[in-house]
Protein backbone atom coordinates (compact mmCIF):
# COMPACT_ATOMS: atom_id res chain seq x y z
CA MET A 1 -0.07 -0.10 -0.08
CA GLU A 2 1.02 3.56 -0.48
CA LYS A 3 2.69 5.28 2.41
CA LEU A 4 0.41 7.92 4.08
CA LYS A 5 1.52 10.76 6.10
CA PRO A 6 0.77 10.28 9.99
CA MET A 7 -2.91 11.69 10.98
CA MET A 8 -3.26 13.34 14.24
CA PHE A 9 -6.22 14.53 16.23
CA VAL A 10 -6.00 17.61 18.33
CA GLY A 11 -8.48 19.08 20.50
CA THR A 12 -9.96 22.22 21.64
CA GLY A 13 -10.07 20.64 25.28
CA SER A 14 -10.18 17.59 27.29
CA ASP A 15 -12.81 15.29 26.77
CA VAL A 16 -13.66 16.37 23.05
CA GLY A 17 -13.76 12.86 21.74
CA LYS A 18 -9.94 12.56 19.85
CA SER A 19 -9.59 8.89 21.61
CA VAL A 20 -12.62 7.62 19.69
CA LEU A 21 -12.07 9.52 16.59
CA CYS A 22 -8.58 7.95 16.98
CA THR A 23 -10.20 4.59 17.08
CA ALA A 24 -12.51 5.19 14.35
CA LEU A 25 -9.70 6.08 11.67
CA CYS A 26 -7.61 3.55 13.24
CA ARG A 27 -10.35 1.12 12.09
CA ILE A 28 -11.24 2.51 8.89
CA PHE A 29 -7.47 2.61 7.81
CA ARG A 30 -7.60 -1.26 8.42
CA GLN A 31 -10.62 -1.77 6.52
CA ASP A 32 -9.16 0.16 3.55
CA GLY A 33 -6.12 -2.46 3.27
CA TYR A 34 -3.56 -0.34 5.49
CA CYS A 35 -1.60 -1.22 8.76
CA PRO A 36 -2.14 1.62 10.93
CA ALA A 37 -0.93 1.64 14.77
CA PRO A 38 -2.00 4.42 17.43
CA PHE A 39 0.27 6.87 19.17
CA LYS A 40 0.19 8.98 22.08
CA SER A 41 3.23 10.45 23.15
CA GLN A 42 2.11 11.45 26.67
CA ASN A 43 -1.01 10.43 28.39
CA MET A 44 -2.74 11.30 31.68
CA ALA A 45 -4.77 8.55 32.64
CA LEU A 46 -5.56 5.84 35.48
CA ASN A 47 -6.90 3.59 32.93
CA SER A 48 -3.89 1.44 31.90
CA TYR A 49 -3.06 -1.58 30.31
CA SER A 50 -0.43 -4.31 30.41
CA THR A 51 1.34 -5.10 27.29
CA LEU A 52 2.99 -8.84 26.45
CA THR A 53 6.19 -7.63 27.26
CA GLY A 54 5.42 -6.53 30.62
CA GLY A 55 4.99 -2.71 29.92
CA GLU A 56 2.32 -0.27 31.04
CA ILE A 57 0.58 2.08 28.44
CA GLY A 58 -2.78 3.85 28.75
CA ARG A 59 -5.89 2.08 28.08
CA ALA A 60 -7.16 4.02 25.23
CA GLN A 61 -4.05 3.23 23.15
CA ALA A 62 -4.41 -0.54 23.77
CA VAL A 63 -8.21 0.05 22.55
CA GLN A 64 -6.93 1.93 19.56
CA ALA A 65 -4.52 -1.39 18.59
CA GLU A 66 -7.43 -3.32 18.85
CA ALA A 67 -9.33 -1.26 16.29
CA CYS A 68 -6.19 -1.59 14.08
CA GLY A 69 -6.09 -5.29 14.69
CA ILE A 70 -2.29 -5.34 16.07
CA VAL A 71 -0.88 -6.30 19.46
CA PRO A 72 -0.50 -3.37 21.86
CA GLU A 73 3.01 -1.96 22.67
CA THR A 74 4.97 0.55 24.59
CA ASP A 75 5.87 2.55 21.61
CA MET A 76 2.07 3.35 21.16
CA ASN A 77 2.49 5.53 24.87
CA PRO A 78 5.96 6.28 25.71
CA VAL A 79 4.91 8.52 28.66
CA LEU A 80 2.11 7.59 30.99
CA LEU A 81 1.29 9.77 33.94
CA LYS A 82 -0.77 8.27 36.49
CA PRO A 83 -2.08 10.89 39.35
CA THR A 84 -1.87 9.37 42.83
CA GLU A 85 -2.27 12.79 44.94
CA GLU A 86 -3.05 16.09 44.29
CA SER A 87 -0.32 17.53 41.82
CA VAL A 88 1.80 14.02 42.21
CA SER A 89 1.89 11.67 39.50
CA GLN A 90 3.64 8.28 38.80
CA VAL A 91 5.65 8.89 35.75
CA VAL A 92 5.75 5.60 33.48
CA VAL A 93 8.32 5.58 30.51
CA ASP A 94 8.88 3.41 27.89
CA GLY A 95 6.09 1.05 29.89
CA GLN A 96 8.00 1.09 33.37
CA PRO A 97 7.50 3.45 36.17
CA VAL A 98 10.55 6.14 36.81
CA GLY A 99 8.89 7.10 39.91
CA ASN A 100 6.87 9.88 41.25
CA MET A 101 6.85 13.70 40.40
CA SER A 102 4.90 16.54 41.41
CA ALA A 103 4.01 18.84 38.62
CA ARG A 104 6.56 21.15 39.12
CA GLU A 105 9.49 18.18 39.02
CA TYR A 106 7.80 16.84 35.71
CA PHE A 107 7.55 20.07 33.61
CA ARG A 108 11.31 21.12 34.51
CA ARG A 109 13.23 21.82 30.81
CA GLY A 110 15.48 18.80 31.71
CA ASN A 111 12.81 16.25 32.42
CA LYS A 112 11.03 17.29 29.32
CA GLN A 113 13.67 17.47 26.89
CA ASP A 114 14.59 13.67 27.90
CA LEU A 115 11.29 12.58 27.54
CA TRP A 116 10.47 14.57 24.34
CA GLY A 117 13.75 12.45 22.44
CA LYS A 118 12.26 9.28 23.93
CA ALA A 119 8.83 9.96 22.42
CA LEU A 120 10.39 10.77 19.17
CA ALA A 121 12.55 7.52 19.09
CA ALA A 122 9.17 5.78 20.24
CA TYR A 123 7.16 7.16 17.14
CA GLN A 124 10.29 6.48 14.64
CA ARG A 125 10.11 2.65 15.74
CA LEU A 126 6.34 2.80 15.04
CA SER A 127 6.43 4.26 11.95
CA GLY A 128 8.99 2.26 10.22
CA ARG A 129 6.59 -0.83 10.71
CA TYR A 130 3.17 0.51 10.38
CA ASN A 131 1.23 2.69 7.82
CA PRO A 132 -0.33 5.29 8.91
CA ILE A 133 0.53 6.15 12.42
CA VAL A 134 -2.74 7.65 14.04
CA LEU A 135 -1.48 10.14 16.40
CA GLU A 136 -3.95 11.63 19.43
CA GLY A 137 -2.81 14.86 21.43
CA ALA A 138 -3.72 15.92 24.78
CA GLY A 139 -6.18 18.53 26.32
CA SER A 140 -5.99 21.41 24.34
CA ILE A 141 -3.71 22.82 21.77
CA SER A 142 -3.41 26.18 22.83
CA GLU A 143 -2.03 26.36 26.31
CA LEU A 144 0.41 29.03 25.80
CA ASN A 145 1.93 28.50 29.25
CA LEU A 146 3.10 25.12 28.43
CA ARG A 147 3.65 25.35 24.71
CA ASP A 148 7.36 25.42 25.19
CA ARG A 149 7.40 22.15 27.15
CA ASP A 150 4.65 20.25 24.97
CA ILE A 151 5.92 16.66 23.63
CA THR A 152 2.38 15.46 22.66
CA ASN A 153 0.39 18.43 20.68
CA MET A 154 1.60 20.80 17.78
CA ARG A 155 5.24 20.32 18.49
CA MET A 156 4.68 16.35 17.75
CA ALA A 157 2.69 17.22 14.62
CA GLU A 158 5.27 19.52 13.47
CA ALA A 159 8.04 17.14 13.98
CA VAL A 160 6.51 14.31 12.39
CA GLY A 161 4.63 16.02 9.44
CA ALA A 162 1.23 14.94 10.49
CA SER A 163 -2.00 16.20 8.75
CA THR A 164 -3.50 17.38 11.71
CA TYR A 165 -7.62 17.92 12.59
CA LEU A 166 -9.02 19.84 15.39
CA VAL A 167 -11.59 18.32 17.42
CA ALA A 168 -14.27 20.27 19.22
CA ASP A 169 -17.31 19.26 21.48
CA ILE A 170 -20.16 20.92 20.46
CA GLU A 171 -22.18 19.49 23.17
CA ARG A 172 -20.31 21.70 25.89
CA GLY A 173 -21.31 25.13 23.92
CA GLY A 174 -18.91 27.95 22.94
CA VAL A 175 -17.54 25.74 19.66
CA PHE A 176 -17.13 29.15 17.65
CA ALA A 177 -14.88 30.43 20.37
CA SER A 178 -13.01 27.49 21.09
CA VAL A 179 -12.20 26.68 17.70
CA TYR A 180 -11.34 30.27 16.50
CA GLY A 181 -9.04 31.11 19.88
CA SER A 182 -7.70 27.45 19.37
CA VAL A 183 -6.48 28.09 15.64
CA MET A 184 -5.80 31.52 16.05
CA LEU A 185 -3.49 31.51 19.13
CA LEU A 186 -0.99 29.11 17.37
CA PRO A 187 1.84 30.23 15.50
CA GLU A 188 1.61 30.42 11.93
CA THR A 189 3.76 27.66 11.28
CA GLN A 190 1.82 24.97 13.51
CA ARG A 191 -1.48 26.56 12.09
CA LYS A 192 -0.60 25.54 8.55
CA LEU A 193 -0.59 21.94 9.61
CA LEU A 194 -4.29 22.08 10.24
CA LYS A 195 -5.87 20.33 7.15
CA GLY A 196 -9.66 20.22 8.83
CA ILE A 197 -11.86 20.74 11.84
CA ILE A 198 -14.13 18.25 13.34
CA ILE A 199 -17.48 19.04 15.25
CA ASN A 200 -18.21 16.31 17.24
CA LYS A 201 -21.38 15.13 19.73
CA PHE A 202 -24.05 16.94 17.50
CA ARG A 203 -27.43 16.23 18.59
CA GLY A 204 -30.40 16.76 16.18
CA ASP A 205 -30.52 17.61 12.48
CA VAL A 206 -26.85 18.05 11.26
CA SER A 207 -28.27 19.97 8.65
CA LEU A 208 -28.93 22.70 11.03
CA PHE A 209 -25.18 23.34 11.58
CA ASP A 210 -24.27 24.02 7.84
CA GLU A 211 -24.41 27.87 8.18
CA GLY A 212 -22.46 27.12 11.08
CA ARG A 213 -19.71 25.46 8.99
CA ARG A 214 -19.08 28.29 6.82
CA MET A 215 -19.12 30.83 9.35
CA LEU A 216 -16.05 28.51 10.88
CA GLU A 217 -14.37 27.81 7.50
CA ASP A 218 -14.54 31.57 6.65
CA LEU A 219 -13.34 32.82 10.44
CA THR A 220 -10.46 30.09 10.65
CA GLY A 221 -9.51 29.51 6.56
CA VAL A 222 -9.49 25.63 7.75
CA PRO A 223 -12.41 23.37 6.26
CA VAL A 224 -14.64 21.80 8.39
CA VAL A 225 -14.63 18.09 7.47
CA GLY A 226 -17.56 16.60 9.51
CA VAL A 227 -19.72 17.15 11.69
CA VAL A 228 -20.07 13.92 14.21
CA PRO A 229 -23.47 12.95 16.13
CA VAL A 230 -23.66 11.75 19.43
CA LEU A 231 -23.16 8.13 18.74
CA ARG A 232 -25.84 6.54 20.84
CA ASP A 233 -25.72 2.94 19.48
CA VAL A 234 -21.86 2.81 19.66
CA HIS A 235 -19.97 1.41 22.83
CA ILE A 236 -16.27 1.89 22.89
CA PRO A 237 -14.19 1.83 26.04
CA ALA A 238 -14.08 5.24 27.32
CA GLU A 239 -10.62 6.94 28.28
CA ASP A 240 -11.75 9.38 31.22
CA SER A 241 -13.60 8.72 34.24
CA MET A 242 -15.86 11.70 33.74
CA ALA A 243 -18.12 9.11 31.64
CA LEU A 244 -19.04 7.32 34.87
CA GLU A 245 -20.81 10.80 35.88
CA HIS A 246 -23.57 9.81 33.30
CA VAL A 247 -24.51 6.39 34.59
CA ASP A 248 -27.77 5.72 35.73
CA THR A 249 -27.76 4.96 38.96
CA ARG A 250 -31.25 3.79 39.86
CA PRO A 251 -31.60 -0.33 40.19
CA GLU A 252 -33.40 -2.02 37.48
CA VAL A 253 -36.12 -5.02 38.17
CA GLY A 254 -35.33 -8.15 36.60
CA LYS A 255 -31.57 -7.74 36.34
CA VAL A 256 -28.49 -8.38 38.53
CA ASN A 257 -27.97 -4.64 39.88
CA VAL A 258 -23.94 -4.24 40.22
CA ALA A 259 -22.94 -1.25 42.29
CA VAL A 260 -19.38 -0.08 41.65
CA ILE A 261 -17.80 2.27 44.29
CA ARG A 262 -16.78 5.51 42.64
CA LEU A 263 -13.59 6.28 44.31
CA PRO A 264 -11.53 9.53 44.04
CA HIS A 265 -8.68 7.72 42.11
CA VAL A 266 -10.58 5.10 40.04
CA SER A 267 -8.60 3.38 37.69
CA ASN A 268 -9.11 0.76 35.27
CA PHE A 269 -13.07 1.23 35.23
CA THR A 270 -13.10 -0.70 31.79
CA ASP A 271 -13.11 -3.49 33.87
CA PHE A 272 -17.05 -3.64 33.94
CA ASP A 273 -17.69 -2.90 30.22
CA ALA A 274 -18.19 -6.63 29.81
CA LEU A 275 -20.80 -6.68 32.69
CA VAL A 276 -22.72 -3.22 30.66
CA PHE A 277 -22.61 -5.22 27.81
CA ASP A 278 -23.95 -8.58 29.35
CA GLY A 279 -27.94 -8.45 29.46
CA ARG A 280 -28.02 -10.15 33.06
CA PHE A 281 -26.68 -7.09 34.63
CA HIS A 282 -27.39 -3.32 35.49
CA VAL A 283 -24.57 -1.50 36.29
CA TYR A 284 -24.37 1.73 38.22
CA TYR A 285 -21.64 3.78 40.08
CA THR A 286 -22.10 5.28 43.49
CA ASP A 287 -19.98 6.85 46.35
CA GLU A 288 -22.84 7.18 48.71
CA PRO A 289 -24.39 4.35 51.06
CA ALA A 290 -27.99 4.75 50.31
CA GLY A 291 -26.83 3.78 46.47
CA LEU A 292 -25.85 0.40 47.73
CA SER A 293 -29.28 -0.65 49.05
CA GLY A 294 -30.68 -1.79 45.93
CA ALA A 295 -27.33 -3.69 44.79
CA ASP A 296 -27.20 -7.62 44.49
CA VAL A 297 -23.34 -7.36 43.67
CA ILE A 298 -21.01 -4.52 45.11
CA ILE A 299 -17.51 -4.05 43.46
CA LEU A 300 -14.77 -2.30 44.75
CA PRO A 301 -12.52 -1.18 41.74
CA GLY A 302 -9.13 -0.55 41.07
CA THR A 303 -7.57 2.89 42.39
CA LYS A 304 -4.12 4.51 42.15
CA ASN A 305 -4.17 5.33 45.75
CA THR A 306 -5.82 2.44 47.90
CA ILE A 307 -4.88 4.13 51.56
CA ALA A 308 -6.58 7.66 50.25
CA ASP A 309 -9.46 6.13 48.58
CA LEU A 310 -10.12 3.91 51.54
CA GLU A 311 -9.95 6.70 53.97
CA HIS A 312 -12.61 8.60 51.96
CA ILE A 313 -15.35 5.85 51.78
CA ARG A 314 -14.35 5.18 55.69
CA ARG A 315 -15.63 8.86 56.35
CA ASN A 316 -18.71 8.84 54.00
CA GLY A 317 -20.24 5.90 55.54
CA VAL A 318 -19.55 3.42 52.34
CA VAL A 319 -17.18 0.92 54.21
CA ASP A 320 -20.10 0.76 56.54
CA ALA A 321 -22.49 -0.13 54.24
CA VAL A 322 -20.32 -2.82 52.01
CA VAL A 323 -20.13 -4.30 55.39
CA GLU A 324 -23.89 -4.20 56.35
CA ALA A 325 -24.46 -5.38 52.61
CA TYR A 326 -22.17 -8.49 53.22
CA GLY A 327 -24.02 -9.24 56.28
CA LYS A 328 -27.50 -9.50 54.43
CA GLY A 329 -26.57 -11.85 51.90
CA LYS A 330 -25.13 -9.51 49.03
CA GLN A 331 -21.91 -10.47 46.65
CA VAL A 332 -18.94 -8.16 47.61
CA VAL A 333 -15.72 -8.34 45.00
CA GLY A 334 -12.66 -6.29 45.08
CA ILE A 335 -10.22 -6.09 42.13
CA CYS A 336 -7.02 -4.48 42.62
CA GLY A 337 -7.00 -1.92 44.97
CA GLY A 338 -10.41 -2.97 45.92
CA TYR A 339 -9.25 -6.11 46.65
CA GLN A 340 -6.52 -4.66 48.89
CA MET A 341 -9.26 -2.76 50.43
CA LEU A 342 -11.48 -5.86 51.38
CA GLY A 343 -8.60 -7.15 53.89
CA LEU A 344 -7.70 -6.11 57.48
CA ARG A 345 -5.16 -3.27 56.82
CA VAL A 346 -3.19 -1.91 53.96
CA GLU A 347 0.31 -0.71 54.98
CA ASP A 348 2.67 1.81 53.23
CA PRO A 349 5.90 1.94 55.07
CA LEU A 350 7.88 3.49 52.14
CA HIS A 351 5.14 6.06 51.46
CA VAL A 352 4.87 4.80 47.98
CA GLU A 353 1.03 6.45 47.56
CA GLY A 354 1.58 9.33 50.42
CA ARG A 355 2.43 10.14 53.78
CA GLN A 356 -0.09 7.75 55.89
CA GLU A 357 1.81 4.81 56.88
CA VAL A 358 -1.19 2.21 57.23
CA ALA A 359 -5.03 2.21 57.11
CA GLU A 360 -7.54 0.20 58.68
CA GLY A 361 -9.43 -2.22 55.75
CA ILE A 362 -12.89 -3.03 55.27
CA GLY A 363 -11.90 -6.67 56.88
CA LEU A 364 -14.20 -8.84 55.04
CA LEU A 365 -11.17 -10.77 53.77
CA PRO A 366 -8.40 -11.91 56.47
CA LEU A 367 -5.60 -10.18 54.50
CA VAL A 368 -2.46 -7.85 54.67
CA THR A 369 -1.25 -5.72 51.87
CA VAL A 370 1.99 -4.50 51.90
CA LEU A 371 2.74 -1.39 49.41
CA GLY A 372 6.02 -1.36 47.81
CA THR A 373 8.35 0.02 45.23
CA LYS A 374 8.47 -3.17 42.94
CA LYS A 375 5.73 -2.97 40.39
CA MET A 376 3.94 -6.07 38.80
CA VAL A 377 2.49 -5.46 35.45
CA CYS A 378 1.88 -8.61 33.13
CA GLN A 379 -0.39 -10.52 31.02
CA SER A 380 -2.06 -13.77 32.64
CA GLU A 381 -3.85 -16.71 31.50
CA PHE A 382 -5.84 -18.59 34.48
CA ARG A 383 -8.60 -20.77 35.88
CA PHE A 384 -10.95 -19.05 37.76
CA ARG A 385 -11.75 -21.01 41.16
CA ASP A 386 -10.49 -24.03 39.07
CA VAL A 387 -13.56 -24.46 36.76
CA GLU A 388 -12.84 -26.77 34.16
CA GLY A 389 -13.18 -25.57 30.30
CA GLU A 390 -11.73 -22.35 28.32
CA ALA A 391 -8.78 -20.61 30.02
CA CYS A 392 -9.37 -17.09 31.29
CA GLN A 393 -7.34 -14.08 30.23
CA GLY A 394 -6.43 -10.91 32.34
CA TYR A 395 -3.82 -8.62 33.13
CA GLN A 396 -2.09 -7.62 36.31
CA ILE A 397 -0.75 -3.97 37.14
CA HIS A 398 -0.13 -3.29 40.90
CA MET A 399 2.40 -2.17 43.33
CA GLY A 400 1.51 -4.36 46.64
CA GLU A 401 1.95 -7.91 48.28
CA THR A 402 -1.29 -9.26 49.89
CA SER A 403 -0.80 -12.26 52.18
CA VAL A 404 -2.98 -14.16 54.60
CA ALA A 405 -2.90 -12.45 57.92
CA ALA A 406 -1.61 -14.79 60.74
CA GLY A 407 -3.91 -15.88 63.45
CA ASP A 408 -7.38 -14.71 62.00
CA ALA A 409 -9.76 -17.77 62.25
CA ARG A 410 -11.27 -17.32 58.99
CA ALA A 411 -8.02 -17.95 57.30
CA THR A 412 -8.71 -21.77 57.54
CA GLY A 413 -11.82 -21.30 55.14
CA LEU A 414 -9.83 -19.02 52.70
CA GLN A 415 -9.15 -20.48 49.24
CA PRO A 416 -6.93 -19.06 46.45
CA LEU A 417 -9.40 -17.76 43.73
CA ASN A 418 -7.19 -18.08 40.47
CA THR A 419 -4.73 -20.75 39.54
CA LEU A 420 -2.21 -19.23 36.70
CA SER A 421 -0.69 -21.32 33.92
CA ASP A 422 2.50 -21.50 35.81
CA GLY A 423 0.48 -23.13 38.57
CA SER A 424 0.85 -20.14 40.79
CA ARG A 425 -2.54 -18.80 42.87
CA GLU A 426 -3.57 -15.49 42.55
CA GLY A 427 -6.59 -13.77 44.69
CA TYR A 428 -8.58 -15.38 47.71
CA TRP A 429 -12.19 -16.84 47.81
CA LEU A 430 -13.95 -16.61 51.19
CA ASP A 431 -17.43 -18.02 50.38
CA GLU A 432 -19.90 -17.52 47.50
CA ARG A 433 -20.63 -14.10 48.42
CA CYS A 434 -16.89 -12.49 48.81
CA TRP A 435 -13.87 -12.71 46.74
CA GLY A 436 -10.81 -10.43 45.49
CA SER A 437 -8.36 -10.29 42.99
CA TYR A 438 -5.38 -8.51 41.40
CA MET A 439 -6.50 -9.54 37.83
CA HIS A 440 -7.90 -6.61 35.82
CA GLY A 441 -10.14 -7.93 32.80
CA ILE A 442 -11.37 -10.94 35.12
CA LEU A 443 -14.96 -9.97 33.95
CA ASP A 444 -14.31 -10.24 30.60
CA ASN A 445 -14.45 -14.01 31.20
CA PRO A 446 -17.60 -15.96 30.92
CA VAL A 447 -17.05 -18.02 33.47
CA VAL A 448 -16.80 -15.25 35.88
CA LEU A 449 -19.49 -13.38 34.62
CA ASP A 450 -21.88 -16.47 34.94
CA ALA A 451 -20.65 -16.85 38.67
CA LEU A 452 -21.49 -13.38 39.40
CA ALA A 453 -24.83 -13.90 37.96
CA GLY A 454 -25.56 -16.50 40.14
CA GLY A 455 -27.15 -19.31 37.96
CA ILE A 456 -29.05 -16.76 35.50
CA ARG A 457 -28.37 -17.95 31.92
CA ARG A 458 -27.05 -15.48 29.19
CA PRO A 459 -29.45 -14.39 26.69
CA GLU A 460 -30.06 -16.63 23.65
CA GLY A 461 -27.57 -15.27 20.67
CA GLN A 462 -25.68 -13.03 22.59
CA PRO A 463 -22.02 -12.87 21.56
CA GLY A 464 -18.97 -13.14 23.69
CA TYR A 465 -17.47 -9.97 24.68
CA VAL A 466 -14.45 -10.09 22.35
CA ALA A 467 -16.86 -10.77 19.20
CA PHE A 468 -19.07 -7.72 20.32
CA LYS A 469 -15.98 -5.43 20.51
CA GLU A 470 -15.30 -6.15 17.07
CA GLN A 471 -18.95 -5.21 16.20
CA GLN A 472 -18.53 -1.83 17.72
CA TYR A 473 -15.23 -1.09 16.11
CA ASP A 474 -16.78 -1.89 12.78
CA LEU A 475 -19.80 0.17 13.57
CA LEU A 476 -17.93 2.94 14.80
CA ALA A 477 -16.08 3.04 11.46
CA GLU A 478 -19.39 3.16 9.58
CA ARG A 479 -21.04 5.71 11.68
CA VAL A 480 -17.99 8.24 11.26
CA ARG A 481 -17.23 7.13 7.63
CA GLN A 482 -20.77 8.38 6.86
CA VAL A 483 -20.11 11.89 8.38
CA LEU A 484 -16.10 12.66 7.48
CA ASP A 485 -14.96 13.92 4.21
CA MET A 486 -12.54 10.95 3.44
CA ASP A 487 -11.83 11.50 0.14
CA TYR A 488 -10.32 14.95 1.17
CA ILE A 489 -8.95 13.26 4.46
CA TYR A 490 -7.20 10.83 2.33
CA ARG A 491 -5.71 13.67 -0.21
CA THR A 492 -4.27 15.59 2.65
CA LEU A 493 -2.27 12.37 3.92
CA LYS A 494 -1.20 11.39 0.05
CA GLY A 495 -0.09 14.95 -0.77
């Protein structure tokens, strides 16, 4: 196939839809016979993914790689920032953690110059093997105070010669000001890289914006290449936890109601996408004790700061509500940081997460977790509760060792949850109503969902989650192809 220029999506702000549009174009290029790959030089996210080589990248780039039909790798996201405290993030470079840094430390010129070189090197490695590279920017392109330290927006577009498209979210309001300001605040050399504007999340009759398109083109001199409607019927994993704010918190009659505790530092909430898709379950998110009253299953999700979030849910009464719910016969499950919370206590003697060295756990599992500096990042094949049949898949990303508490009488009834392919054990199962695991993606496996459903059979004809995701990537590509001027886009990539 003809070598195409890289294509880049940048935004007027955060959460305007860049990730989803990148995913759509990744699938479109694949459908059209190319071999695309995603790239985001710097990502700030608590949703992450383990590559086959034990590296860590943003979950959005793993999703985009799936849409490309290729294996995710660390070069697709060479710099990942995972917030741990206010103004402090764990910095992951080329898939490996290099320490925690404050915003001031991170933005020092020496750090950014080093990271800029690593980002360019990662891009070049990808570019030599894939065609085209679909790049994603971060936040707004017009943060003037950050321009000289930029490693992920227009500086990257300029360095690689990307045909660049500006995405604006019309649902937020102020689309004319945000687009015009974003374009006009760019220096002329970078403004010339903009090949098109995409208006995203439009509601109603798209033709009503025809005059708006012409006005934006007259104001900026940049063509509007598409108006993308709100895609209500397309389900793609979300990158930002803001998506959780829009989930209906009311229980549904006739379904297994699953309440996921909304934590301040929630991570890898995409663990619950398979539940959302499965017609047996109704999933909602809550951070209030009253929100647990209608739940059949309560899940404590992953978090980037176990101790801080544990203290938060103790103060607001959620811990007591979880214990009460378990006593009334409800299922309680913990995944990664949520698994640590279910134990007797969490210890942080090396101050990995913050200043507090120990926190009392929820206490449903007789376990103690000690946080350390060694990070476990790997993909795993396992059997859930030694159930015969197809092996399960998942991945681990955590800093901490969890062990059975000495002298606790309940420990005699505790059993390992998962048996890994190498014979080792992971997670613990107390009884039919309480278990915990470090395994992200554990709920993507049918045998685990069947256990949560408590004997309720899956609806007839419902495809597996992997097949469902493939259908959704194709549907996303179809919807976006219908509204973008793909002929024009290809001309900008071939010229």
